[in-house]
PDB file of N, CA and C in Angstrom:
ATOM      1  N   MET A   1       0.848  -1.173   0.000  1.00  0.00           N
ATOM      2  CA  MET A   1       0.000   0.000   0.000  1.00  0.00           C
ATOM      3  C   MET A   1       0.895   1.237   0.000  1.00  0.00           C
ATOM      4  N   THR A   2       0.618   2.111  -0.919  1.00  0.00           N
ATOM      5  CA  THR A   2       1.394   3.332  -1.049  1.00  0.00           C
ATOM      6  C   THR A   2       0.807   4.391  -0.127  1.00  0.00           C
ATOM      7  N   SER A   3       1.669   5.080   0.607  1.00  0.00           N
ATOM      8  CA  SER A   3       1.178   6.107   1.525  1.00  0.00           C
ATOM      9  C   SER A   3       0.670   7.313   0.734  1.00  0.00           C
ATOM     10  N   LEU A   4      -0.157   8.088   1.386  1.00  0.00           N
ATOM     11  CA  LEU A   4      -0.703   9.296   0.764  1.00  0.00           C
ATOM     12  C   LEU A   4       0.433  10.228   0.345  1.00  0.00           C
ATOM     13  N   ALA A   5       1.424  10.392   1.223  1.00  0.00           N
ATOM     14  CA  ALA A   5       2.554  11.272   0.905  1.00  0.00           C
ATOM     15  C   ALA A   5       3.303  10.769  -0.325  1.00  0.00           C
ATOM     16  N   ASP A   6       3.469   9.452  -0.421  1.00  0.00           N
ATOM     17  CA  ASP A   6       4.159   8.891  -1.588  1.00  0.00           C
ATOM     18  C   ASP A   6       3.360   9.128  -2.863  1.00  0.00           C
ATOM     19  N   LEU A   7       2.039   8.976  -2.781  1.00  0.00           N
ATOM     20  CA  LEU A   7       1.201   9.218  -3.964  1.00  0.00           C
ATOM     21  C   LEU A   7       1.257  10.677  -4.390  1.00  0.00           C
ATOM     22  N   VAL A   8       1.210  11.576  -3.414  1.00  0.00           N
ATOM     23  CA  VAL A   8       1.290  13.009  -3.732  1.00  0.00           C
ATOM     24  C   VAL A   8       2.636  13.308  -4.385  1.00  0.00           C
ATOM     25  N   ALA A   9       3.716  12.776  -3.805  1.00  0.00           N
ATOM     26  CA  ALA A   9       5.050  13.022  -4.367  1.00  0.00           C
ATOM     27  C   ALA A   9       5.150  12.460  -5.779  1.00  0.00           C
ATOM     28  N   LEU A  10       4.620  11.261  -5.988  1.00  0.00           N
ATOM     29  CA  LEU A  10       4.643  10.662  -7.318  1.00  0.00           C
ATOM     30  C   LEU A  10       3.861  11.524  -8.305  1.00  0.00           C
ATOM     31  N   GLY A  11       2.670  11.944  -7.901  1.00  0.00           N
ATOM     32  CA  GLY A  11       1.850  12.787  -8.775  1.00  0.00           C
ATOM     33  C   GLY A  11       2.544  14.091  -9.126  1.00  0.00           C
ATOM     34  N   GLU A  12       3.192  14.677  -8.148  1.00  0.00           N
ATOM     35  CA  GLU A  12       3.913  15.931  -8.402  1.00  0.00           C
ATOM     36  C   GLU A  12       5.072  15.705  -9.368  1.00  0.00           C
ATOM     37  N   ARG A  13       5.788  14.576  -9.203  1.00  0.00           N
ATOM     38  CA  ARG A  13       6.887  14.272 -10.128  1.00  0.00           C
ATOM     39  C   ARG A  13       6.364  14.052 -11.543  1.00  0.00           C
ATOM     40  N   MET A  14       5.125  13.592 -11.640  1.00  0.00           N
ATOM     41  CA  MET A  14       4.523  13.365 -12.958  1.00  0.00           C
ATOM     42  C   MET A  14       3.943  14.658 -13.538  1.00  0.00           C
ATOM     43  N   GLY A  15       4.038  15.740 -12.778  1.00  0.00           N
ATOM     44  CA  GLY A  15       3.597  17.027 -13.296  1.00  0.00           C
ATOM     45  C   GLY A  15       2.187  17.428 -12.891  1.00  0.00           C
ATOM     46  N   TYR A  16       1.545  16.660 -12.025  1.00  0.00           N
ATOM     47  CA  TYR A  16       0.196  17.010 -11.583  1.00  0.00           C
ATOM     48  C   TYR A  16       0.268  18.053 -10.483  1.00  0.00           C
ATOM     49  N   ALA A  17      -0.755  18.911 -10.461  1.00  0.00           N
ATOM     50  CA  ALA A  17      -0.879  19.917  -9.406  1.00  0.00           C
ATOM     51  C   ALA A  17      -2.359  20.219  -9.224  1.00  0.00           C
ATOM     52  N   GLY A  18      -2.699  20.749  -8.078  1.00  0.00           N
ATOM     53  CA  GLY A  18      -4.074  21.174  -7.823  1.00  0.00           C
ATOM     54  C   GLY A  18      -5.081  20.043  -7.958  1.00  0.00           C
ATOM     55  N   GLU A  19      -6.155  20.328  -8.708  1.00  0.00           N
ATOM     56  CA  GLU A  19      -7.244  19.361  -8.879  1.00  0.00           C
ATOM     57  C   GLU A  19      -6.771  18.092  -9.589  1.00  0.00           C
ATOM     58  N   GLU A  20      -5.896  18.235 -10.578  1.00  0.00           N
ATOM     59  CA  GLU A  20      -5.372  17.046 -11.267  1.00  0.00           C
ATOM     60  C   GLU A  20      -4.620  16.137 -10.297  1.00  0.00           C
ATOM     61  N   LEU A  21      -3.865  16.740  -9.383  1.00  0.00           N
ATOM     62  CA  LEU A  21      -3.127  15.963  -8.393  1.00  0.00           C
ATOM     63  C   LEU A  21      -4.100  15.235  -7.469  1.00  0.00           C
ATOM     64  N   ARG A  22      -5.145  15.935  -7.017  1.00  0.00           N
ATOM     65  CA  ARG A  22      -6.148  15.292  -6.155  1.00  0.00           C
ATOM     66  C   ARG A  22      -6.821  14.134  -6.883  1.00  0.00           C
ATOM     67  N   GLU A  23      -7.148  14.332  -8.152  1.00  0.00           N
ATOM     68  CA  GLU A  23      -7.783  13.260  -8.930  1.00  0.00           C
ATOM     69  C   GLU A  23      -6.830  12.071  -9.101  1.00  0.00           C
ATOM     70  N   PHE A  24      -5.563  12.374  -9.372  1.00  0.00           N
ATOM     71  CA  PHE A  24      -4.572  11.309  -9.509  1.00  0.00           C
ATOM     72  C   PHE A  24      -4.473  10.493  -8.220  1.00  0.00           C
ATOM     73  N   VAL A  25      -4.326  11.186  -7.089  1.00  0.00           N
ATOM     74  CA  VAL A  25      -4.202  10.507  -5.794  1.00  0.00           C
ATOM     75  C   VAL A  25      -5.454   9.693  -5.513  1.00  0.00           C
ATOM     76  N   SER A  26      -6.614  10.292  -5.753  1.00  0.00           N
ATOM     77  CA  SER A  26      -7.880   9.592  -5.514  1.00  0.00           C
ATOM     78  C   SER A  26      -7.982   8.342  -6.386  1.00  0.00           C
ATOM     79  N   HIS A  27      -7.619   8.491  -7.658  1.00  0.00           N
ATOM     80  CA  HIS A  27      -7.667   7.356  -8.584  1.00  0.00           C
ATOM     81  C   HIS A  27      -6.719   6.243  -8.138  1.00  0.00           C
ATOM     82  N   GLU A  28      -5.514   6.606  -7.753  1.00  0.00           N
ATOM     83  CA  GLU A  28      -4.531   5.609  -7.319  1.00  0.00           C
ATOM     84  C   GLU A  28      -4.978   4.912  -6.033  1.00  0.00           C
ATOM     85  N   GLN A  29      -5.559   5.679  -5.102  1.00  0.00           N
ATOM     86  CA  GLN A  29      -6.061   5.060  -3.870  1.00  0.00           C
ATOM     87  C   GLN A  29      -7.183   4.074  -4.187  1.00  0.00           C
ATOM     88  N   ALA A  30      -8.076   4.453  -5.090  1.00  0.00           N
ATOM     89  CA  ALA A  30      -9.178   3.564  -5.478  1.00  0.00           C
ATOM     90  C   ALA A  30      -8.632   2.311  -6.157  1.00  0.00           C
ATOM     91  N   ARG A  31      -7.629   2.491  -7.009  1.00  0.00           N
ATOM     92  CA  ARG A  31      -7.028   1.343  -7.692  1.00  0.00           C
ATOM     93  C   ARG A  31      -6.387   0.389  -6.682  1.00  0.00           C
ATOM     94  N   GLU A  32      -5.674   0.931  -5.719  1.00  0.00           N
ATOM     95  CA  GLU A  32      -5.046   0.089  -4.701  1.00  0.00           C
ATOM     96  C   GLU A  32      -6.091  -0.622  -3.840  1.00  0.00           C
ATOM     97  N   ARG A  33      -7.182   0.088  -3.508  1.00  0.00           N
ATOM     98  CA  ARG A  33      -8.265  -0.559  -2.745  1.00  0.00           C
ATOM     99  C   ARG A  33      -8.836  -1.726  -3.527  1.00  0.00           C
ATOM    100  N   GLU A  34      -9.050  -1.512  -4.827  1.00  0.00           N
ATOM    101  CA  GLU A  34      -9.593  -2.566  -5.683  1.00  0.00           C
ATOM    102  C   GLU A  34      -8.627  -3.751  -5.756  1.00  0.00           C
ATOM    103  N   GLU A  35      -7.338  -3.474  -5.870  1.00  0.00           N
ATOM    104  CA  GLU A  35      -6.345  -4.556  -5.899  1.00  0.00           C
ATOM    105  C   GLU A  35      -6.372  -5.355  -4.600  1.00  0.00           C
ATOM    106  N   ARG A  36      -6.471  -4.664  -3.464  1.00  0.00           N
ATOM    107  CA  ARG A  36      -6.533  -5.369  -2.178  1.00  0.00           C
ATOM    108  C   ARG A  36      -7.803  -6.205  -2.092  1.00  0.00           C
ATOM    109  N   HIS A  37      -8.912  -5.630  -2.558  1.00  0.00           N
ATOM    110  CA  HIS A  37     -10.191  -6.348  -2.547  1.00  0.00           C
ATOM    111  C   HIS A  37     -10.099  -7.609  -3.413  1.00  0.00           C
ATOM    112  N   GLU A  38      -9.547  -7.472  -4.608  1.00  0.00           N
ATOM    113  CA  GLU A  38      -9.392  -8.629  -5.497  1.00  0.00           C
ATOM    114  C   GLU A  38      -8.482  -9.681  -4.870  1.00  0.00           C
ATOM    115  N   GLY A  39      -7.436  -9.232  -4.198  1.00  0.00           N
ATOM    116  CA  GLY A  39      -6.536 -10.169  -3.520  1.00  0.00           C
ATOM    117  C   GLY A  39      -7.261 -10.935  -2.423  1.00  0.00           C
ATOM    118  N   ARG A  40      -8.093 -10.231  -1.661  1.00  0.00           N
ATOM    119  CA  ARG A  40      -8.867 -10.910  -0.608  1.00  0.00           C
ATOM    120  C   ARG A  40      -9.849 -11.902  -1.214  1.00  0.00           C
ATOM    121  N   GLU A  41     -10.473 -11.519  -2.333  1.00  0.00           N
ATOM    122  CA  GLU A  41     -11.404 -12.441  -2.999  1.00  0.00           C
ATOM    123  C   GLU A  41     -10.674 -13.679  -3.512  1.00  0.00           C
ATOM    124  N   ARG A  42      -9.498 -13.501  -4.112  1.00  0.00           N
ATOM    125  CA  ARG A  42      -8.710 -14.647  -4.583  1.00  0.00           C
ATOM    126  C   ARG A  42      -8.361 -15.568  -3.421  1.00  0.00           C
ATOM    127  N   MET A  43      -7.958 -14.974  -2.302  1.00  0.00           N
ATOM    128  CA  MET A  43      -7.595 -15.766  -1.129  1.00  0.00           C
ATOM    129  C   MET A  43      -8.814 -16.530  -0.610  1.00  0.00           C
ATOM    130  N   ALA A  44      -9.967 -15.878  -0.586  1.00  0.00           N
ATOM    131  CA  ALA A  44     -11.186 -16.542  -0.113  1.00  0.00           C
ATOM    132  C   ALA A  44     -11.557 -17.701  -1.035  1.00  0.00           C
ATOM    133  N   ARG A  45     -11.434 -17.496  -2.353  1.00  0.00           N
ATOM    134  CA  ARG A  45     -11.728 -18.587  -3.298  1.00  0.00           C
ATOM    135  C   ARG A  45     -10.758 -19.746  -3.108  1.00  0.00           C
ATOM    136  N   LYS A  46      -9.486 -19.428  -2.919  1.00  0.00           N
ATOM    137  CA  LYS A  46      -8.482 -20.476  -2.708  1.00  0.00           C
ATOM    138  C   LYS A  46      -8.787 -21.245  -1.426  1.00  0.00           C
ATOM    139  N   GLU A  47      -9.109 -20.528  -0.360  1.00  0.00           N
ATOM    140  CA  GLU A  47      -9.429 -21.190   0.900  1.00  0.00           C
ATOM    141  C   GLU A  47     -10.650 -22.081   0.745  1.00  0.00           C
ATOM    142  N   GLU A  48     -11.656 -21.616   0.010  1.00  0.00           N
ATOM    143  CA  GLU A  48     -12.859 -22.427  -0.216  1.00  0.00           C
ATOM    144  C   GLU A  48     -12.515 -23.674  -1.030  1.00  0.00           C
ATOM    145  N   MET A  49     -11.691 -23.521  -2.048  1.00  0.00           N
ATOM    146  CA  MET A  49     -11.290 -24.683  -2.852  1.00  0.00           C
ATOM    147  C   MET A  49     -10.499 -25.677  -2.005  1.00  0.00           C
ATOM    148  N   ASP A  50      -9.611 -25.164  -1.152  1.00  0.00           N
ATOM    149  CA  ASP A  50      -8.846 -26.038  -0.259  1.00  0.00           C
ATOM    150  C   ASP A  50      -9.775 -26.768   0.702  1.00  0.00           C
ATOM    151  N   ARG A  51     -10.759 -26.050   1.239  1.00  0.00           N
ATOM    152  CA  ARG A  51     -11.722 -26.655   2.163  1.00  0.00           C
ATOM    153  C   ARG A  51     -12.501 -27.759   1.462  1.00  0.00           C
ATOM    154  N   MET A  52     -12.938 -27.483   0.246  1.00  0.00           N
ATOM    155  CA  MET A  52     -13.696 -28.482  -0.510  1.00  0.00           C
ATOM    156  C   MET A  52     -12.827 -29.704  -0.821  1.00  0.00           C
ATOM    157  N   ALA A  53     -11.565 -29.475  -1.151  1.00  0.00           N
ATOM    158  CA  ALA A  53     -10.660 -30.591  -1.447  1.00  0.00           C
ATOM    159  C   ALA A  53     -10.457 -31.452  -0.202  1.00  0.00           C
ATOM    160  N   ARG A  54     -10.291 -30.801   0.959  1.00  0.00           N
ATOM    161  CA  ARG A  54     -10.139 -31.568   2.201  1.00  0.00           C
ATOM    162  C   ARG A  54     -11.395 -32.376   2.490  1.00  0.00           C
ATOM    163  N   LYS A  55     -12.569 -31.767   2.283  1.00  0.00           N
ATOM    164  CA  LYS A  55     -13.833 -32.469   2.525  1.00  0.00           C
ATOM    165  C   LYS A  55     -13.966 -33.662   1.582  1.00  0.00           C
ATOM    166  N   GLU A  56     -13.655 -33.467   0.310  1.00  0.00           N
ATOM    167  CA  GLU A  56     -13.730 -34.569  -0.651  1.00  0.00           C
ATOM    168  C   GLU A  56     -12.788 -35.704  -0.259  1.00  0.00           C
ATOM    169  N   GLU A  57     -11.592 -35.361   0.205  1.00  0.00           N
ATOM    170  CA  GLU A  57     -10.639 -36.388   0.630  1.00  0.00           C
ATOM    171  C   GLU A  57     -11.168 -37.135   1.854  1.00  0.00           C
ATOM    172  N   MET A  58     -11.743 -36.411   2.793  1.00  0.00           N
ATOM    173  CA  MET A  58     -12.308 -37.060   3.978  1.00  0.00           C
ATOM    174  C   MET A  58     -13.472 -37.964   3.591  1.00  0.00           C
ATOM    175  N   ASP A  59     -14.316 -37.499   2.676  1.00  0.00           N
ATOM    176  CA  ASP A  59     -15.435 -38.320   2.203  1.00  0.00           C
ATOM    177  C   ASP A  59     -14.920 -39.579   1.509  1.00  0.00           C
ATOM    178  N   ARG A  60     -13.878 -39.428   0.695  1.00  0.00           N
ATOM    179  CA  ARG A  60     -13.296 -40.570  -0.004  1.00  0.00           C
ATOM    180  C   ARG A  60     -12.743 -41.580   0.996  1.00  0.00           C
ATOM    181  N   MET A  61     -12.061 -41.079   2.010  1.00  0.00           N
ATOM    182  CA  MET A  61     -11.504 -41.966   3.025  1.00  0.00           C
ATOM    183  C   MET A  61     -12.611 -42.679   3.803  1.00  0.00           C
ATOM    184  N   ALA A  62     -13.682 -41.961   4.104  1.00  0.00           N
ATOM    185  CA  ALA A  62     -14.800 -42.572   4.830  1.00  0.00           C
ATOM    186  C   ALA A  62     -15.443 -43.669   3.985  1.00  0.00           C
ATOM    187  N   ARG A  63     -15.609 -43.412   2.680  1.00  0.00           N
ATOM    188  CA  ARG A  63     -16.173 -44.446   1.796  1.00  0.00           C
ATOM    189  C   ARG A  63     -15.262 -45.668   1.736  1.00  0.00           C
ATOM    190  N   LYS A  64     -13.956 -45.438   1.645  1.00  0.00           N
ATOM    191  CA  LYS A  64     -13.003 -46.554   1.603  1.00  0.00           C
ATOM    192  C   LYS A  64     -13.068 -47.352   2.899  1.00  0.00           C
ATOM    193  N   GLU A  65     -13.107 -46.671   4.022  1.00  0.00           N
ATOM    194  CA  GLU A  65     -13.197 -47.370   5.305  1.00  0.00           C
ATOM    195  C   GLU A  65     -14.472 -48.200   5.382  1.00  0.00           C
ATOM    196  N   GLU A  66     -15.570 -47.644   4.911  1.00  0.00           N
ATOM    197  CA  GLU A  66     -16.838 -48.378   4.919  1.00  0.00           C
ATOM    198  C   GLU A  66     -16.754 -49.602   4.014  1.00  0.00           C
ATOM    199  N   MET A  67     -16.166 -49.445   2.841  1.00  0.00           N
ATOM    200  CA  MET A  67     -16.012 -50.584   1.931  1.00  0.00           C
ATOM    201  C   MET A  67     -15.111 -51.654   2.560  1.00  0.00           C
ATOM    202  N   ASP A  68     -14.022 -51.231   3.198  1.00  0.00           N
ATOM    203  CA  ASP A  68     -13.130 -52.179   3.867  1.00  0.00           C
ATOM    204  C   ASP A  68     -13.862 -52.907   4.992  1.00  0.00           C
ATOM    205  N   ARG A  69     -14.647 -52.169   5.759  1.00  0.00           N
ATOM    206  CA  ARG A  69     -15.411 -52.767   6.853  1.00  0.00           C
ATOM    207  C   ARG A  69     -16.389 -53.801   6.308  1.00  0.00           C
ATOM    208  N   MET A  70     -17.073 -53.455   5.235  1.00  0.00           N
ATOM    209  CA  MET A  70     -18.030 -54.384   4.631  1.00  0.00           C
ATOM    210  C   MET A  70     -17.315 -55.623   4.086  1.00  0.00           C
ATOM    211  N   ALA A  71     -16.145 -55.431   3.495  1.00  0.00           N
ATOM    212  CA  ALA A  71     -15.381 -56.562   2.956  1.00  0.00           C
ATOM    213  C   ALA A  71     -14.943 -57.487   4.088  1.00  0.00           C
ATOM    214  N   ARG A  72     -14.478 -56.916   5.210  1.00  0.00           N
ATOM    215  CA  ARG A  72     -14.091 -57.746   6.355  1.00  0.00           C
ATOM    216  C   ARG A  72     -15.287 -58.513   6.898  1.00  0.00           C
ATOM    217  N   LYS A  73     -16.421 -57.846   6.969  1.00  0.00           N
ATOM    218  CA  LYS A  73     -17.644 -58.486   7.461  1.00  0.00           C
ATOM    219  C   LYS A  73     -18.029 -59.659   6.555  1.00  0.00           C
ATOM    220  N   GLU A  74     -17.940 -59.448   5.249  1.00  0.00           N
ATOM    221  CA  GLU A  74     -18.260 -60.522   4.299  1.00  0.00           C
ATOM    222  C   GLU A  74     -17.266 -61.672   4.415  1.00  0.00           C
ATOM    223  N   GLU A  75     -15.995 -61.347   4.617  1.00  0.00           N
ATOM    224  CA  GLU A  75     -14.969 -62.381   4.766  1.00  0.00           C
ATOM    225  C   GLU A  75     -15.236 -63.216   6.016  1.00  0.00           C
ATOM    226  N   ILE A  76     -15.586 -62.569   7.103  1.00  0.00           N
ATOM    227  CA  ILE A  76     -15.912 -63.290   8.343  1.00  0.00           C
ATOM    228  C   ILE A  76     -17.120 -64.187   8.121  1.00  0.00           C
ATOM    229  N   LYS A  77     -18.130 -63.639   7.457  1.00  0.00           N
ATOM    230  CA  LYS A  77     -19.344 -64.419   7.183  1.00  0.00           C
ATOM    231  C   LYS A  77     -19.009 -65.644   6.324  1.00  0.00           C
ATOM    232  N   ARG A  78     -18.190 -65.452   5.301  1.00  0.00           N
ATOM    233  CA  ARG A  78     -17.813 -66.548   4.415  1.00  0.00           C
ATOM    234  C   ARG A  78     -17.037 -67.626   5.179  1.00  0.00           C
ATOM    235  N   LYS A  79     -16.106 -67.211   6.025  1.00  0.00           N
ATOM    236  CA  LYS A  79     -15.320 -68.175   6.795  1.00  0.00           C
ATOM    237  C   LYS A  79     -16.201 -68.939   7.780  1.00  0.00           C
ATOM    238  N   LYS A  80     -17.161 -68.237   8.366  1.00  0.00           N
ATOM    239  CA  LYS A  80     -18.099 -68.891   9.279  1.00  0.00           C
ATOM    240  C   LYS A  80     -18.889 -69.969   8.549  1.00  0.00           C
ATOM    241  N   GLU A  81     -19.361 -69.613   7.360  1.00  0.00           N
ATOM    242  CA  GLU A  81     -20.136 -70.574   6.565  1.00  0.00           C
ATOM    243  C   GLU A  81     -19.281 -71.776   6.179  1.00  0.00           C
ATOM    244  N   GLU A  82     -18.018 -71.536   5.838  1.00  0.00           N
ATOM    245  CA  GLU A  82     -17.110 -72.638   5.505  1.00  0.00           C
ATOM    246  C   GLU A  82     -16.913 -73.561   6.699  1.00  0.00           C
ATOM    247  N   MET A  83     -16.753 -72.972   7.864  1.00  0.00           N
ATOM    248  CA  MET A  83     -16.552 -73.772   9.075  1.00  0.00           C
ATOM    249  C   MET A  83     -17.798 -74.594   9.389  1.00  0.00           C
ATOM    250  N   GLU A  84     -18.960 -73.994   9.193  1.00  0.00           N
ATOM    251  CA  GLU A  84     -20.215 -74.700   9.461  1.00  0.00           C
ATOM    252  C   GLU A  84     -20.396 -75.858   8.487  1.00  0.00           C
ATOM    253  N   GLN A  85     -19.936 -75.694   7.264  1.00  0.00           N
ATOM    254  CA  GLN A  85     -20.055 -76.762   6.268  1.00  0.00           C
ATOM    255  C   GLN A  85     -19.137 -77.937   6.606  1.00  0.00           C
ATOM    256  N   HIS A  86     -18.036 -77.672   7.266  1.00  0.00           N
ATOM    257  CA  HIS A  86     -17.077 -78.723   7.603  1.00  0.00           C
ATOM    258  C   HIS A  86     -17.428 -79.439   8.905  1.00  0.00           C
ATOM    259  N   THR A  87     -18.408 -78.953   9.604  1.00  0.00           N
ATOM    260  CA  THR A  87     -18.780 -79.625  10.857  1.00  0.00           C
ATOM    261  C   THR A  87     -20.028 -80.434  10.716  1.00  0.00           C
TER     262      THR A  87
END
C-alpha cells in the first residue's frame, strides 16, 4: 500500500498539481483498494477450494473405510459358513 505522501510526491513528479493531483491521488487510492479487494477475494476462493478438497478427501476416506469394513464383514461371514459346512 502506497502512503498518501508517496502518492502526492509521485503525482507531483509526474507534473500534476491542484485538482489534477487530487484526482490522480484519488484514482490511485481507489485502484489500490480494488487490488486489495481482489486479492482478498482470490484468497477466499483459494481457501474455499482447499476446504472443498479436504472435505472430498475425507469423504473418499470414509467411503473406503466403509467398503473395507463391509469386505471384512463378508470375509468373516464366508469363513463362518465354511466352518459350518465342515462340521
